[in-house]
Amino acid sequence: MKLYRVSHPSAVDGEKEVVQWAGTQAGVVQIKKTFMETGVKRKQISTEEVEVPVKKDELIEWLNERGV
């Protein structure tokens, strides 16, 4: 399954990120609009296409590795 990770650096703590996930490109566009409405500049926003496993045991391992 393909998901999109949309993030930008935190204004409070530059080392941390604000992250949201989307399942479609339309979702990515909406998240970016929301980020920009809060003052984030377009060049600060990054989008990463992520392949997420769908089998239960692989999904649990994937989630645990990322601390989700």
Protein backbone atom coordinates (compact mmCIF):
# COMPACT_ATOMS: atom_id res chain seq x y z
CA MET A 1 0.00 0.00 0.00
CA LYS A 2 1.33 3.44 -0.87
CA LEU A 3 1.02 6.36 1.53
CA TYR A 4 2.43 9.86 1.42
CA ARG A 5 4.32 11.38 4.35
CA VAL A 6 4.01 15.18 4.34
CA SER A 7 6.15 17.09 6.81
CA HIS A 8 7.75 20.39 7.72
CA PRO A 9 10.15 21.51 10.47
CA SER A 10 8.48 22.49 13.71
CA ALA A 11 8.40 26.23 14.37
CA VAL A 12 8.80 25.52 18.09
CA ASP A 13 11.70 23.08 17.87
CA GLY A 14 13.62 23.10 14.59
CA GLU A 15 14.88 19.56 15.16
CA LYS A 16 11.40 18.03 15.28
CA GLU A 17 8.99 17.67 12.40
CA VAL A 18 5.26 18.11 12.03
CA VAL A 19 4.08 15.06 10.09
CA GLN A 20 0.78 14.11 8.49
CA TRP A 21 -0.04 11.13 6.31
CA ALA A 22 -2.20 10.99 3.18
CA GLY A 23 -3.46 8.12 1.07
CA THR A 24 -3.87 10.10 -2.17
CA GLN A 25 -2.22 12.95 -4.04
CA ALA A 26 -5.39 14.98 -3.41
CA GLY A 27 -4.85 14.41 0.30
CA VAL A 28 -1.27 15.65 -0.06
CA VAL A 29 -2.49 18.85 -1.71
CA GLN A 30 -4.97 19.46 1.11
CA ILE A 31 -2.31 18.91 3.79
CA LYS A 32 0.07 21.29 2.03
CA LYS A 33 -2.67 23.94 1.83
CA THR A 34 -3.32 23.54 5.55
CA PHE A 35 0.40 23.84 6.35
CA MET A 36 0.72 26.99 4.21
CA GLU A 37 -2.35 28.55 5.85
CA THR A 38 -0.49 28.30 9.16
CA GLY A 39 2.50 30.21 7.74
CA VAL A 40 4.73 27.37 6.53
CA LYS A 41 6.50 28.18 3.27
CA ARG A 42 6.08 25.76 0.34
CA LYS A 43 9.84 25.06 0.17
CA GLN A 44 9.80 23.93 3.83
CA ILE A 45 7.26 21.19 3.09
CA SER A 46 8.53 17.80 2.02
CA THR A 47 6.56 14.89 0.63
CA GLU A 48 7.80 11.32 0.70
CA GLU A 49 6.13 8.36 -0.99
CA VAL A 50 6.20 5.41 1.41
CA GLU A 51 5.41 1.78 0.68
CA VAL A 52 3.55 0.37 3.69
CA PRO A 53 3.19 -3.40 4.11
CA VAL A 54 -0.33 -4.80 4.26
CA LYS A 55 0.31 -8.16 5.94
CA LYS A 56 -0.46 -7.89 9.64
CA ASP A 57 2.92 -9.10 11.00
CA GLU A 58 4.90 -6.93 8.53
CA LEU A 59 2.69 -3.92 9.25
CA ILE A 60 3.15 -4.26 13.02
CA GLU A 61 6.93 -4.50 12.56
CA TRP A 62 6.89 -1.44 10.24
CA LEU A 63 4.86 0.59 12.76
CA ASN A 64 7.09 -0.43 15.67
CA GLU A 65 10.25 0.54 13.75
CA ARG A 66 8.85 4.02 13.24
CA GLY A 67 7.43 4.44 16.74
CA VAL A 68 3.92 4.98 15.43
